[in-house]
Amino acid sequence: MTSRWLVEVQQYRDLDIAWKPFSLEIKNAGFDVPAQYRPGMRLGLRALRVIEAAKAEKIADIDSVGRFYTVLGQQFHNQGLGAKSSIAEALSAAKWPAELHYNENNEELDLPIRESMREAMALYGTEDTGVPLLVLEELPHPVTISGPILNPAPRGEDAALLWDAFVTVAKSPNFYELKKHRDAAPMFD
């Protein structure tokens, strides 16, 4: 939902998004993860491998990766589709060859994913993080924030106003953490 918020904010603010891979499947390897999260984590890693294959073939750009990611999320979260159908639809949306799905299980493609994760965690300053992880580069120096967790993603000017507040807080050298209890199930549109 944070990704949907960022895409919405782009319509109201000068915001460039660079989607970077981060796999919770890789991050949580060796940990006892609740069963309800495992399918999404597995799908995420498979999808990231497909994206890395598209990058290797030099057919992936920020827009096509964004389309892939958007459709994958809609298929998985909104429609409850599994890995094969979700990735097939996402490939079509990105306008990438359907054969790229053969890379879903190519563990060699985990190397650039792991490197991206190392870079993100180095920016964040600790390995105690997950997703979303936002790096704000337009500030005087890059600021890395874990979160925000949104439910549902705000729309319109509300999305832009939340962005403005988020950037203001992120800029403060005194700000470190803010957390609010979740009292509702995820609300995808």
N, C-alpha and C. Protein backbone atom coordinates (compact mmCIF):
# COMPACT_ATOMS: atom_id res chain seq x y z
N MET A 1 0.82 -1.19 0.00
CA MET A 1 0.00 0.00 0.00
C MET A 1 0.86 1.26 0.00
N THR A 2 2.05 1.14 0.57
CA THR A 2 2.96 2.29 0.52
C THR A 2 3.35 2.59 -0.92
N SER A 3 3.54 1.54 -1.71
CA SER A 3 3.89 1.76 -3.12
C SER A 3 2.75 2.46 -3.86
N ARG A 4 1.51 2.09 -3.54
CA ARG A 4 0.36 2.73 -4.18
C ARG A 4 0.29 4.20 -3.77
N TRP A 5 0.61 4.49 -2.53
CA TRP A 5 0.65 5.87 -2.05
C TRP A 5 1.69 6.68 -2.82
N LEU A 6 2.89 6.11 -2.99
CA LEU A 6 3.94 6.82 -3.71
C LEU A 6 3.54 7.10 -5.16
N VAL A 7 2.92 6.13 -5.81
CA VAL A 7 2.46 6.33 -7.19
C VAL A 7 1.41 7.43 -7.23
N GLU A 8 0.55 7.47 -6.24
CA GLU A 8 -0.46 8.54 -6.16
C GLU A 8 0.20 9.90 -5.95
N VAL A 9 1.19 9.95 -5.07
CA VAL A 9 1.88 11.21 -4.77
C VAL A 9 2.54 11.77 -6.03
N GLN A 10 3.03 10.90 -6.90
CA GLN A 10 3.67 11.36 -8.15
C GLN A 10 2.76 12.26 -8.98
N GLN A 11 1.46 12.10 -8.85
CA GLN A 11 0.52 12.93 -9.62
C GLN A 11 0.42 14.35 -9.06
N TYR A 12 0.89 14.56 -7.83
CA TYR A 12 0.73 15.85 -7.16
C TYR A 12 2.04 16.52 -6.78
N ARG A 13 3.11 15.76 -6.72
CA ARG A 13 4.41 16.29 -6.31
C ARG A 13 5.48 15.81 -7.27
N ASP A 14 6.58 16.55 -7.32
CA ASP A 14 7.72 16.17 -8.15
C ASP A 14 8.47 15.05 -7.43
N LEU A 15 8.15 13.83 -7.79
CA LEU A 15 8.69 12.65 -7.10
C LEU A 15 9.13 11.61 -8.12
N ASP A 16 10.38 11.26 -8.09
CA ASP A 16 10.89 10.18 -8.92
C ASP A 16 11.02 8.94 -8.05
N ILE A 17 10.50 7.84 -8.54
CA ILE A 17 10.57 6.58 -7.81
C ILE A 17 11.53 5.65 -8.52
N ALA A 18 12.44 5.07 -7.77
CA ALA A 18 13.33 4.02 -8.28
C ALA A 18 13.03 2.77 -7.47
N TRP A 19 12.38 1.80 -8.10
CA TRP A 19 12.03 0.56 -7.40
C TRP A 19 13.29 -0.29 -7.26
N LYS A 20 13.59 -0.69 -6.04
CA LYS A 20 14.78 -1.51 -5.77
C LYS A 20 14.34 -2.82 -5.13
N PRO A 21 15.02 -3.91 -5.46
CA PRO A 21 14.61 -5.20 -4.90
C PRO A 21 14.99 -5.36 -3.43
N PHE A 22 14.05 -5.95 -2.69
CA PHE A 22 14.26 -6.31 -1.29
C PHE A 22 13.37 -7.53 -1.04
N SER A 23 13.98 -8.66 -0.72
CA SER A 23 13.23 -9.90 -0.55
C SER A 23 13.07 -10.26 0.91
N LEU A 24 11.84 -10.34 1.36
CA LEU A 24 11.58 -10.80 2.72
C LEU A 24 11.85 -12.30 2.85
N GLU A 25 11.75 -13.02 1.75
CA GLU A 25 12.09 -14.46 1.76
C GLU A 25 13.57 -14.63 2.09
N ILE A 26 14.42 -13.84 1.44
CA ILE A 26 15.86 -13.91 1.71
C ILE A 26 16.14 -13.35 3.11
N LYS A 27 15.56 -12.22 3.44
CA LYS A 27 15.82 -11.56 4.72
C LYS A 27 15.46 -12.45 5.90
N ASN A 28 14.36 -13.19 5.78
CA ASN A 28 13.87 -14.00 6.90
C ASN A 28 14.26 -15.47 6.82
N ALA A 29 15.18 -15.81 5.93
CA ALA A 29 15.64 -17.21 5.83
C ALA A 29 16.18 -17.64 7.19
N GLY A 30 15.75 -18.80 7.64
CA GLY A 30 16.21 -19.32 8.91
C GLY A 30 15.36 -18.91 10.10
N PHE A 31 14.39 -18.01 9.87
CA PHE A 31 13.50 -17.58 10.96
C PHE A 31 12.16 -18.30 10.82
N ASP A 32 11.47 -18.45 11.91
CA ASP A 32 10.15 -19.06 11.92
C ASP A 32 9.12 -17.98 11.58
N VAL A 33 8.73 -17.94 10.31
CA VAL A 33 7.79 -16.94 9.83
C VAL A 33 6.38 -17.54 9.85
N PRO A 34 5.39 -16.80 10.37
CA PRO A 34 4.02 -17.32 10.37
C PRO A 34 3.57 -17.76 8.98
N ALA A 35 2.82 -18.84 8.93
CA ALA A 35 2.41 -19.47 7.66
C ALA A 35 1.69 -18.52 6.72
N GLN A 36 0.89 -17.59 7.25
CA GLN A 36 0.11 -16.71 6.36
C GLN A 36 0.98 -15.77 5.54
N TYR A 37 2.24 -15.54 5.96
CA TYR A 37 3.13 -14.63 5.23
C TYR A 37 4.00 -15.34 4.19
N ARG A 38 4.14 -16.65 4.31
CA ARG A 38 5.06 -17.38 3.44
C ARG A 38 4.72 -17.32 1.96
N PRO A 39 3.45 -17.49 1.54
CA PRO A 39 3.16 -17.42 0.10
C PRO A 39 3.53 -16.08 -0.52
N GLY A 40 3.24 -14.99 0.16
CA GLY A 40 3.58 -13.67 -0.36
C GLY A 40 5.08 -13.46 -0.45
N MET A 41 5.80 -13.95 0.57
CA MET A 41 7.26 -13.82 0.55
C MET A 41 7.86 -14.64 -0.60
N ARG A 42 7.32 -15.83 -0.81
CA ARG A 42 7.82 -16.69 -1.89
C ARG A 42 7.52 -16.06 -3.25
N LEU A 43 6.30 -15.56 -3.42
CA LEU A 43 5.94 -14.89 -4.67
C LEU A 43 6.83 -13.68 -4.89
N GLY A 44 7.09 -12.93 -3.84
CA GLY A 44 7.95 -11.76 -3.95
C GLY A 44 9.33 -12.10 -4.47
N LEU A 45 9.93 -13.15 -3.95
CA LEU A 45 11.26 -13.54 -4.42
C LEU A 45 11.21 -14.01 -5.87
N ARG A 46 10.21 -14.79 -6.22
CA ARG A 46 10.08 -15.24 -7.61
C ARG A 46 9.94 -14.05 -8.55
N ALA A 47 9.12 -13.10 -8.16
CA ALA A 47 8.91 -11.91 -8.99
C ALA A 47 10.19 -11.09 -9.11
N LEU A 48 10.92 -10.94 -8.02
CA LEU A 48 12.17 -10.18 -8.08
C LEU A 48 13.18 -10.84 -9.01
N ARG A 49 13.20 -12.16 -9.03
CA ARG A 49 14.09 -12.87 -9.96
C ARG A 49 13.71 -12.57 -11.41
N VAL A 50 12.42 -12.52 -11.68
CA VAL A 50 11.96 -12.20 -13.04
C VAL A 50 12.36 -10.77 -13.40
N ILE A 51 12.20 -9.85 -12.46
CA ILE A 51 12.61 -8.46 -12.71
C ILE A 51 14.11 -8.39 -12.98
N GLU A 52 14.90 -9.11 -12.20
CA GLU A 52 16.36 -9.11 -12.40
C GLU A 52 16.71 -9.71 -13.76
N ALA A 53 15.96 -10.71 -14.21
CA ALA A 53 16.19 -11.29 -15.53
C ALA A 53 15.89 -10.25 -16.61
N ALA A 54 14.82 -9.49 -16.42
CA ALA A 54 14.48 -8.43 -17.39
C ALA A 54 15.57 -7.36 -17.41
N LYS A 55 16.11 -7.03 -16.24
CA LYS A 55 17.21 -6.06 -16.18
C LYS A 55 18.43 -6.60 -16.92
N ALA A 56 18.73 -7.88 -16.72
CA ALA A 56 19.89 -8.49 -17.36
C ALA A 56 19.74 -8.46 -18.88
N GLU A 57 18.50 -8.57 -19.36
CA GLU A 57 18.25 -8.52 -20.81
C GLU A 57 18.09 -7.09 -21.31
N LYS A 58 18.25 -6.13 -20.40
CA LYS A 58 18.18 -4.70 -20.72
C LYS A 58 16.83 -4.28 -21.31
N ILE A 59 15.76 -4.89 -20.79
CA ILE A 59 14.42 -4.52 -21.24
C ILE A 59 13.60 -3.90 -20.10
N ALA A 60 14.21 -3.81 -18.91
CA ALA A 60 13.50 -3.27 -17.75
C ALA A 60 13.91 -1.82 -17.54
N ASP A 61 12.92 -0.95 -17.42
CA ASP A 61 13.17 0.43 -17.01
C ASP A 61 12.25 0.71 -15.82
N ILE A 62 12.36 1.87 -15.23
CA ILE A 62 11.58 2.20 -14.04
C ILE A 62 10.08 2.05 -14.29
N ASP A 63 9.62 2.49 -15.46
CA ASP A 63 8.18 2.41 -15.77
C ASP A 63 7.71 0.96 -15.89
N SER A 64 8.46 0.14 -16.62
CA SER A 64 8.02 -1.25 -16.80
C SER A 64 8.10 -2.03 -15.48
N VAL A 65 9.11 -1.75 -14.67
CA VAL A 65 9.20 -2.40 -13.36
C VAL A 65 8.01 -1.96 -12.50
N GLY A 66 7.65 -0.68 -12.56
CA GLY A 66 6.49 -0.20 -11.82
C GLY A 66 5.20 -0.87 -12.25
N ARG A 67 5.02 -1.04 -13.56
CA ARG A 67 3.82 -1.73 -14.07
C ARG A 67 3.80 -3.18 -13.61
N PHE A 68 4.95 -3.86 -13.69
CA PHE A 68 5.06 -5.24 -13.24
C PHE A 68 4.66 -5.34 -11.78
N TYR A 69 5.25 -4.49 -10.95
CA TYR A 69 5.02 -4.50 -9.52
C TYR A 69 3.55 -4.20 -9.18
N THR A 70 2.96 -3.24 -9.88
CA THR A 70 1.56 -2.86 -9.64
C THR A 70 0.63 -4.02 -9.93
N VAL A 71 0.77 -4.63 -11.09
CA VAL A 71 -0.13 -5.72 -11.47
C VAL A 71 0.10 -6.94 -10.58
N LEU A 72 1.35 -7.22 -10.24
CA LEU A 72 1.64 -8.34 -9.35
C LEU A 72 0.90 -8.15 -8.02
N GLY A 73 0.98 -6.97 -7.45
CA GLY A 73 0.30 -6.69 -6.19
C GLY A 73 -1.21 -6.81 -6.31
N GLN A 74 -1.77 -6.28 -7.40
CA GLN A 74 -3.21 -6.37 -7.60
C GLN A 74 -3.65 -7.83 -7.72
N GLN A 75 -2.91 -8.59 -8.50
CA GLN A 75 -3.27 -10.00 -8.70
C GLN A 75 -3.18 -10.78 -7.40
N PHE A 76 -2.13 -10.56 -6.64
CA PHE A 76 -1.92 -11.33 -5.42
C PHE A 76 -2.82 -10.85 -4.29
N HIS A 77 -2.80 -9.54 -4.01
CA HIS A 77 -3.53 -9.02 -2.85
C HIS A 77 -5.02 -8.85 -3.11
N ASN A 78 -5.39 -8.30 -4.25
CA ASN A 78 -6.80 -8.00 -4.50
C ASN A 78 -7.57 -9.21 -5.00
N GLN A 79 -6.91 -10.05 -5.81
CA GLN A 79 -7.62 -11.15 -6.43
C GLN A 79 -7.22 -12.51 -5.88
N GLY A 80 -6.20 -12.55 -5.03
CA GLY A 80 -5.80 -13.81 -4.40
C GLY A 80 -5.21 -14.83 -5.34
N LEU A 81 -4.67 -14.37 -6.46
CA LEU A 81 -4.09 -15.31 -7.41
C LEU A 81 -2.72 -15.76 -6.96
N GLY A 82 -2.34 -16.96 -7.36
CA GLY A 82 -1.05 -17.52 -6.99
C GLY A 82 0.07 -17.02 -7.88
N ALA A 83 1.25 -17.58 -7.68
CA ALA A 83 2.46 -17.10 -8.33
C ALA A 83 2.40 -17.16 -9.85
N LYS A 84 1.98 -18.29 -10.40
CA LYS A 84 2.03 -18.43 -11.87
C LYS A 84 1.14 -17.41 -12.57
N SER A 85 -0.12 -17.30 -12.15
CA SER A 85 -1.01 -16.36 -12.82
C SER A 85 -0.61 -14.92 -12.53
N SER A 86 -0.17 -14.63 -11.31
CA SER A 86 0.22 -13.25 -10.97
C SER A 86 1.42 -12.80 -11.79
N ILE A 87 2.43 -13.64 -11.89
CA ILE A 87 3.63 -13.27 -12.64
C ILE A 87 3.33 -13.17 -14.13
N ALA A 88 2.49 -14.06 -14.65
CA ALA A 88 2.12 -14.00 -16.07
C ALA A 88 1.43 -12.68 -16.39
N GLU A 89 0.49 -12.26 -15.55
CA GLU A 89 -0.21 -11.00 -15.77
C GLU A 89 0.75 -9.82 -15.65
N ALA A 90 1.66 -9.89 -14.69
CA ALA A 90 2.62 -8.80 -14.48
C ALA A 90 3.59 -8.68 -15.67
N LEU A 91 4.01 -9.81 -16.21
CA LEU A 91 4.87 -9.80 -17.40
C LEU A 91 4.16 -9.11 -18.56
N SER A 92 2.91 -9.42 -18.73
CA SER A 92 2.13 -8.81 -19.81
C SER A 92 2.03 -7.30 -19.60
N ALA A 93 1.75 -6.87 -18.38
CA ALA A 93 1.63 -5.44 -18.08
C ALA A 93 2.94 -4.70 -18.33
N ALA A 94 4.06 -5.35 -18.01
CA ALA A 94 5.37 -4.73 -18.20
C ALA A 94 5.80 -4.75 -19.66
N LYS A 95 5.08 -5.53 -20.47
CA LYS A 95 5.42 -5.73 -21.88
C LYS A 95 6.77 -6.42 -22.04
N TRP A 96 6.98 -7.41 -21.16
CA TRP A 96 8.18 -8.23 -21.23
C TRP A 96 7.79 -9.60 -21.77
N PRO A 97 8.74 -10.33 -22.36
CA PRO A 97 8.43 -11.65 -22.91
C PRO A 97 7.93 -12.61 -21.83
N ALA A 98 6.91 -13.38 -22.16
CA ALA A 98 6.32 -14.34 -21.22
C ALA A 98 7.34 -15.37 -20.74
N GLU A 99 8.35 -15.64 -21.58
CA GLU A 99 9.36 -16.65 -21.23
C GLU A 99 10.19 -16.26 -20.01
N LEU A 100 10.16 -14.99 -19.65
CA LEU A 100 10.94 -14.57 -18.47
C LEU A 100 10.48 -15.28 -17.20
N HIS A 101 9.25 -15.82 -17.22
CA HIS A 101 8.77 -16.51 -16.01
C HIS A 101 9.63 -17.73 -15.67
N TYR A 102 10.39 -18.22 -16.64
CA TYR A 102 11.27 -19.36 -16.37
C TYR A 102 12.38 -19.00 -15.38
N ASN A 103 12.57 -17.74 -15.12
CA ASN A 103 13.60 -17.29 -14.19
C ASN A 103 13.14 -17.26 -12.73
N GLU A 104 11.88 -17.59 -12.49
CA GLU A 104 11.33 -17.55 -11.13
C GLU A 104 12.16 -18.33 -10.11
N ASN A 105 12.74 -19.42 -10.53
CA ASN A 105 13.48 -20.28 -9.62
C ASN A 105 14.99 -20.22 -9.84
N ASN A 106 15.46 -19.25 -10.60
CA ASN A 106 16.88 -19.11 -10.88
C ASN A 106 17.57 -18.41 -9.71
N GLU A 107 18.18 -19.20 -8.84
CA GLU A 107 18.81 -18.67 -7.63
C GLU A 107 20.02 -17.79 -7.93
N GLU A 108 20.58 -17.89 -9.13
CA GLU A 108 21.70 -17.01 -9.49
C GLU A 108 21.24 -15.54 -9.51
N LEU A 109 19.96 -15.33 -9.76
CA LEU A 109 19.42 -13.97 -9.80
C LEU A 109 19.22 -13.38 -8.39
N ASP A 110 19.47 -14.19 -7.38
CA ASP A 110 19.41 -13.68 -6.01
C ASP A 110 20.60 -12.77 -5.71
N LEU A 111 21.69 -12.90 -6.45
CA LEU A 111 22.89 -12.09 -6.18
C LEU A 111 22.62 -10.59 -6.28
N PRO A 112 22.03 -10.08 -7.37
CA PRO A 112 21.74 -8.63 -7.40
C PRO A 112 20.68 -8.22 -6.38
N ILE A 113 19.78 -9.13 -6.04
CA ILE A 113 18.77 -8.83 -5.02
C ILE A 113 19.46 -8.66 -3.66
N ARG A 114 20.35 -9.60 -3.35
CA ARG A 114 21.09 -9.52 -2.08
C ARG A 114 21.95 -8.25 -2.02
N GLU A 115 22.55 -7.87 -3.14
CA GLU A 115 23.37 -6.66 -3.17
C GLU A 115 22.51 -5.42 -2.92
N SER A 116 21.35 -5.36 -3.54
CA SER A 116 20.43 -4.25 -3.31
C SER A 116 20.01 -4.19 -1.85
N MET A 117 19.75 -5.34 -1.26
CA MET A 117 19.37 -5.39 0.15
C MET A 117 20.51 -4.92 1.05
N ARG A 118 21.74 -5.31 0.73
CA ARG A 118 22.90 -4.86 1.52
C ARG A 118 23.02 -3.33 1.45
N GLU A 119 22.85 -2.79 0.25
CA GLU A 119 22.91 -1.33 0.09
C GLU A 119 21.83 -0.63 0.92
N ALA A 120 20.61 -1.16 0.87
CA ALA A 120 19.51 -0.55 1.61
C ALA A 120 19.76 -0.62 3.11
N MET A 121 20.21 -1.77 3.58
CA MET A 121 20.45 -1.91 5.02
C MET A 121 21.64 -1.06 5.46
N ALA A 122 22.62 -0.88 4.60
CA ALA A 122 23.75 0.00 4.93
C ALA A 122 23.26 1.44 5.05
N LEU A 123 22.36 1.86 4.17
CA LEU A 123 21.79 3.20 4.25
C LEU A 123 20.95 3.37 5.51
N TYR A 124 20.20 2.32 5.86
CA TYR A 124 19.34 2.39 7.03
C TYR A 124 20.17 2.36 8.32
N GLY A 125 21.29 1.67 8.26
CA GLY A 125 22.19 1.65 9.41
C GLY A 125 22.04 0.46 10.31
N THR A 126 21.16 -0.46 9.95
CA THR A 126 20.96 -1.66 10.75
C THR A 126 20.31 -2.73 9.88
N GLU A 127 20.47 -3.96 10.28
CA GLU A 127 19.80 -5.04 9.56
C GLU A 127 18.40 -5.27 10.10
N ASP A 128 18.03 -4.56 11.14
CA ASP A 128 16.72 -4.71 11.76
C ASP A 128 15.69 -3.89 10.99
N THR A 129 15.39 -4.33 9.78
CA THR A 129 14.41 -3.62 8.96
C THR A 129 13.70 -4.60 8.05
N GLY A 130 12.71 -4.13 7.40
CA GLY A 130 11.96 -4.88 6.41
C GLY A 130 11.47 -3.93 5.34
N VAL A 131 10.26 -4.13 4.92
CA VAL A 131 9.69 -3.26 3.89
C VAL A 131 8.39 -2.67 4.43
N PRO A 132 8.01 -1.51 3.97
CA PRO A 132 8.71 -0.67 3.01
C PRO A 132 9.92 0.02 3.65
N LEU A 133 10.88 0.28 2.82
CA LEU A 133 12.08 1.02 3.21
C LEU A 133 12.26 2.11 2.16
N LEU A 134 12.13 3.36 2.58
CA LEU A 134 12.20 4.48 1.64
C LEU A 134 13.50 5.25 1.84
N VAL A 135 14.16 5.55 0.74
CA VAL A 135 15.36 6.37 0.77
C VAL A 135 15.01 7.68 0.09
N LEU A 136 15.10 8.76 0.85
CA LEU A 136 14.81 10.09 0.33
C LEU A 136 16.13 10.73 -0.04
N GLU A 137 16.37 10.86 -1.33
CA GLU A 137 17.66 11.37 -1.79
C GLU A 137 17.67 12.87 -2.02
N GLU A 138 16.53 13.51 -2.09
CA GLU A 138 16.50 14.94 -2.42
C GLU A 138 16.82 15.82 -1.22
N LEU A 139 16.96 15.25 -0.06
CA LEU A 139 17.29 16.02 1.13
C LEU A 139 18.78 16.38 1.10
N PRO A 140 19.23 17.21 2.03
CA PRO A 140 20.67 17.56 2.04
C PRO A 140 21.58 16.31 2.05
N HIS A 141 21.15 15.27 2.68
CA HIS A 141 21.84 13.98 2.61
C HIS A 141 20.75 12.90 2.60
N PRO A 142 21.04 11.74 2.02
CA PRO A 142 20.00 10.70 1.97
C PRO A 142 19.51 10.32 3.37
N VAL A 143 18.21 10.18 3.48
CA VAL A 143 17.58 9.73 4.71
C VAL A 143 16.82 8.45 4.39
N THR A 144 17.01 7.44 5.20
CA THR A 144 16.34 6.16 4.99
C THR A 144 15.35 5.93 6.12
N ILE A 145 14.11 5.65 5.75
CA ILE A 145 13.03 5.46 6.71
C ILE A 145 12.40 4.09 6.49
N SER A 146 12.21 3.35 7.57
CA SER A 146 11.45 2.11 7.52
C SER A 146 9.99 2.48 7.68
N GLY A 147 9.21 2.26 6.63
CA GLY A 147 7.81 2.65 6.65
C GLY A 147 7.60 3.78 5.66
N PRO A 148 6.46 4.38 5.65
CA PRO A 148 5.35 4.18 6.56
C PRO A 148 4.46 3.01 6.14
N ILE A 149 3.78 2.46 7.11
CA ILE A 149 2.77 1.44 6.87
C ILE A 149 1.44 2.19 6.76
N LEU A 150 0.75 2.03 5.67
CA LEU A 150 -0.50 2.75 5.43
C LEU A 150 -1.64 1.77 5.21
N ASN A 151 -2.82 2.13 5.64
CA ASN A 151 -3.97 1.26 5.46
C ASN A 151 -5.27 2.05 5.58
N PRO A 152 -5.96 2.29 4.48
CA PRO A 152 -5.56 2.09 3.09
C PRO A 152 -4.63 3.22 2.65
N ALA A 153 -4.12 3.09 1.45
CA ALA A 153 -3.28 4.14 0.89
C ALA A 153 -4.13 5.38 0.61
N PRO A 154 -3.70 6.55 1.09
CA PRO A 154 -4.48 7.75 0.83
C PRO A 154 -4.47 8.12 -0.66
N ARG A 155 -5.48 8.84 -1.07
CA ARG A 155 -5.63 9.25 -2.47
C ARG A 155 -5.69 10.77 -2.57
N GLY A 156 -5.46 11.24 -3.79
CA GLY A 156 -5.63 12.65 -4.08
C GLY A 156 -4.71 13.54 -3.26
N GLU A 157 -5.26 14.72 -2.95
CA GLU A 157 -4.48 15.70 -2.19
C GLU A 157 -4.11 15.17 -0.81
N ASP A 158 -4.92 14.27 -0.24
CA ASP A 158 -4.57 13.67 1.06
C ASP A 158 -3.24 12.91 0.97
N ALA A 159 -3.03 12.23 -0.15
CA ALA A 159 -1.77 11.52 -0.35
C ALA A 159 -0.61 12.50 -0.41
N ALA A 160 -0.81 13.60 -1.11
CA ALA A 160 0.25 14.60 -1.25
C ALA A 160 0.54 15.29 0.08
N LEU A 161 -0.49 15.59 0.84
CA LEU A 161 -0.29 16.24 2.14
C LEU A 161 0.44 15.31 3.11
N LEU A 162 0.11 14.04 3.08
CA LEU A 162 0.83 13.08 3.93
C LEU A 162 2.29 13.01 3.51
N TRP A 163 2.55 13.05 2.20
CA TRP A 163 3.93 13.05 1.70
C TRP A 163 4.69 14.27 2.24
N ASP A 164 4.06 15.42 2.16
CA ASP A 164 4.70 16.64 2.65
C ASP A 164 5.07 16.50 4.13
N ALA A 165 4.15 15.97 4.91
CA ALA A 165 4.41 15.79 6.34
C ALA A 165 5.51 14.75 6.56
N PHE A 166 5.47 13.69 5.78
CA PHE A 166 6.48 12.63 5.88
C PHE A 166 7.88 13.19 5.61
N VAL A 167 8.01 13.98 4.55
CA VAL A 167 9.31 14.57 4.21
C VAL A 167 9.75 15.54 5.30
N THR A 168 8.82 16.33 5.82
CA THR A 168 9.16 17.27 6.89
C THR A 168 9.72 16.53 8.11
N VAL A 169 9.05 15.47 8.50
CA VAL A 169 9.52 14.68 9.65
C VAL A 169 10.87 14.03 9.32
N ALA A 170 11.01 13.49 8.13
CA ALA A 170 12.26 12.82 7.74
C ALA A 170 13.45 13.78 7.76
N LYS A 171 13.21 15.03 7.41
CA LYS A 171 14.28 16.03 7.38
C LYS A 171 14.80 16.39 8.77
N SER A 172 13.98 16.19 9.77
CA SER A 172 14.37 16.59 11.12
C SER A 172 15.50 15.71 11.65
N PRO A 173 16.61 16.32 12.07
CA PRO A 173 17.70 15.52 12.63
C PRO A 173 17.34 14.94 14.00
N ASN A 174 16.23 15.39 14.57
CA ASN A 174 15.80 14.92 15.89
C ASN A 174 14.83 13.74 15.81
N PHE A 175 14.30 13.47 14.64
CA PHE A 175 13.28 12.43 14.48
C PHE A 175 13.91 11.06 14.24
N TYR A 176 13.41 10.05 14.96
CA TYR A 176 13.90 8.69 14.77
C TYR A 176 12.81 7.66 14.57
N GLU A 177 11.73 7.74 15.31
CA GLU A 177 10.75 6.67 15.19
C GLU A 177 9.37 7.16 15.60
N LEU A 178 8.36 6.59 14.92
CA LEU A 178 6.97 6.88 15.23
C LEU A 178 6.21 5.59 14.92
N LYS A 179 5.37 5.16 15.82
CA LYS A 179 4.64 3.92 15.59
C LYS A 179 3.22 4.06 16.15
N LYS A 180 2.27 3.48 15.44
CA LYS A 180 0.87 3.53 15.84
C LYS A 180 0.31 2.12 15.78
N HIS A 181 -0.51 1.76 16.75
CA HIS A 181 -1.11 0.42 16.78
C HIS A 181 -2.02 0.20 15.57
N ARG A 182 -1.89 -0.96 14.96
CA ARG A 182 -2.78 -1.31 13.83
C ARG A 182 -4.04 -1.94 14.39
N ASP A 183 -5.18 -1.42 13.99
CA ASP A 183 -6.45 -1.97 14.48
C ASP A 183 -7.40 -2.39 13.37
N ALA A 184 -6.87 -2.51 12.16
CA ALA A 184 -7.72 -2.91 11.03
C ALA A 184 -6.93 -3.82 10.09
N ALA A 185 -7.66 -4.73 9.47
CA ALA A 185 -7.04 -5.60 8.47
C ALA A 185 -6.67 -4.76 7.24
N PRO A 186 -5.72 -5.24 6.43
CA PRO A 186 -5.36 -4.49 5.22
C PRO A 186 -6.57 -4.23 4.33
N MET A 187 -6.65 -3.00 3.81
CA MET A 187 -7.76 -2.59 2.95
C MET A 187 -7.20 -2.23 1.58
N PHE A 188 -7.16 -3.21 0.69
CA PHE A 188 -6.70 -2.98 -0.67
C PHE A 188 -7.87 -2.54 -1.52
N ASP A 189 -7.58 -1.65 -2.50
CA ASP A 189 -8.69 -1.28 -3.39
C ASP A 189 -8.59 -1.98 -4.70
